[in-house]
């Protein structure tokens, strides 16, 4: 499966750099999103240093099929609006 990183999980005054909001193709309601909890998510960027950061789907976010992913380390800002693989 393939997903798209929407943003960091945040509140009015605080941003969580390890947690991201991800929307997934063909997932459009909360019931389908809840079924993905526990799946492995990999974000990779290609270049001289092939960076891979791995995370896990933690919870559904909202009613429209987005999920909350907790990554093993902080994500860079350039990760927003990039693709991730869900296994």
Protein backbone atom coordinates (compact mmCIF):
# COMPACT_ATOMS: atom_id res chain seq x y z
CA UNK A 1 0.00 0.00 0.00
CA UNK A 2 1.01 3.55 -0.48
CA UNK A 3 0.27 6.59 1.63
CA UNK A 4 0.97 10.31 1.69
CA UNK A 5 2.27 12.23 4.71
CA UNK A 6 -0.05 15.15 5.45
CA UNK A 7 1.54 16.80 8.47
CA UNK A 8 3.06 16.40 11.89
CA UNK A 9 0.71 15.55 14.73
CA UNK A 10 0.31 18.86 16.50
CA UNK A 11 -1.72 20.95 18.84
CA UNK A 12 -1.97 24.68 19.12
CA UNK A 13 1.38 25.14 20.84
CA UNK A 14 3.24 21.85 20.44
CA UNK A 15 4.41 19.71 17.50
CA UNK A 16 5.26 16.03 17.85
CA UNK A 17 8.15 15.35 15.48
CA UNK A 18 7.95 11.55 15.73
CA UNK A 19 4.23 11.36 14.95
CA UNK A 20 2.81 12.03 11.49
CA UNK A 21 -0.67 12.10 9.99
CA UNK A 22 -0.81 9.88 6.88
CA UNK A 23 -3.62 9.51 4.33
CA UNK A 24 -3.79 6.22 2.43
CA UNK A 25 -5.14 5.48 -1.04
CA UNK A 26 -8.49 3.64 -1.14
CA UNK A 27 -9.04 4.11 2.61
CA UNK A 28 -11.91 6.53 3.09
CA UNK A 29 -13.51 5.76 6.44
CA UNK A 30 -12.51 5.12 10.03
CA UNK A 31 -13.36 1.39 10.03
CA UNK A 32 -10.86 0.66 7.26
CA UNK A 33 -8.23 2.84 8.96
CA UNK A 34 -8.59 0.99 12.28
CA UNK A 35 -7.83 -2.29 10.47
CA UNK A 36 -4.34 -0.96 9.65
CA UNK A 37 -3.24 -0.48 13.27
CA UNK A 38 0.06 -2.27 13.87
CA UNK A 39 1.22 -2.21 10.23
CA UNK A 40 4.81 -1.20 9.46
CA UNK A 41 5.38 2.09 7.62
CA UNK A 42 8.63 2.98 5.82
CA UNK A 43 9.66 6.44 4.64
CA UNK A 44 12.68 6.57 2.37
CA UNK A 45 14.50 9.28 0.49
CA UNK A 46 16.88 8.55 -2.32
CA UNK A 47 20.21 10.23 -2.90
CA UNK A 48 23.80 9.72 -1.83
CA UNK A 49 22.64 8.74 1.65
CA UNK A 50 19.64 6.47 1.29
CA UNK A 51 17.71 7.33 4.42
CA UNK A 52 14.99 5.02 5.72
CA UNK A 53 12.90 5.73 8.79
CA UNK A 54 10.52 3.04 10.02
CA UNK A 55 7.33 3.54 11.99
CA UNK A 56 4.14 1.80 13.08
CA UNK A 57 0.51 2.76 12.55
CA UNK A 58 -0.71 3.72 16.02
CA UNK A 59 -4.31 4.92 15.64
CA UNK A 60 -6.93 6.27 13.28
CA UNK A 61 -7.07 10.05 12.93
CA UNK A 62 -10.45 11.56 12.26
CA UNK A 63 -13.33 10.03 10.30
CA UNK A 64 -11.97 10.14 6.74
CA UNK A 65 -9.43 7.33 6.82
CA UNK A 66 -6.23 9.06 7.93
CA UNK A 67 -3.95 7.28 10.39
CA UNK A 68 -1.43 8.38 12.99
CA UNK A 69 2.05 6.87 12.55
CA UNK A 70 4.75 6.88 15.24
CA UNK A 71 8.25 6.76 13.74
CA UNK A 72 11.37 5.53 15.53
CA UNK A 73 13.06 8.94 15.33
CA UNK A 74 12.09 12.49 14.47
CA UNK A 75 11.02 13.20 10.91
CA UNK A 76 12.44 16.07 8.87
CA UNK A 77 10.16 18.78 7.54
CA UNK A 78 10.92 17.72 3.97
CA UNK A 79 8.95 14.53 4.62
CA UNK A 80 5.62 16.38 4.41
CA UNK A 81 3.77 15.60 1.16
CA UNK A 82 6.04 12.65 0.33
CA UNK A 83 5.05 9.00 -0.10
CA UNK A 84 5.40 6.16 2.39
CA UNK A 85 5.06 2.40 2.01
CA UNK A 86 2.71 0.48 4.28
CA UNK A 87 3.35 -3.24 4.75
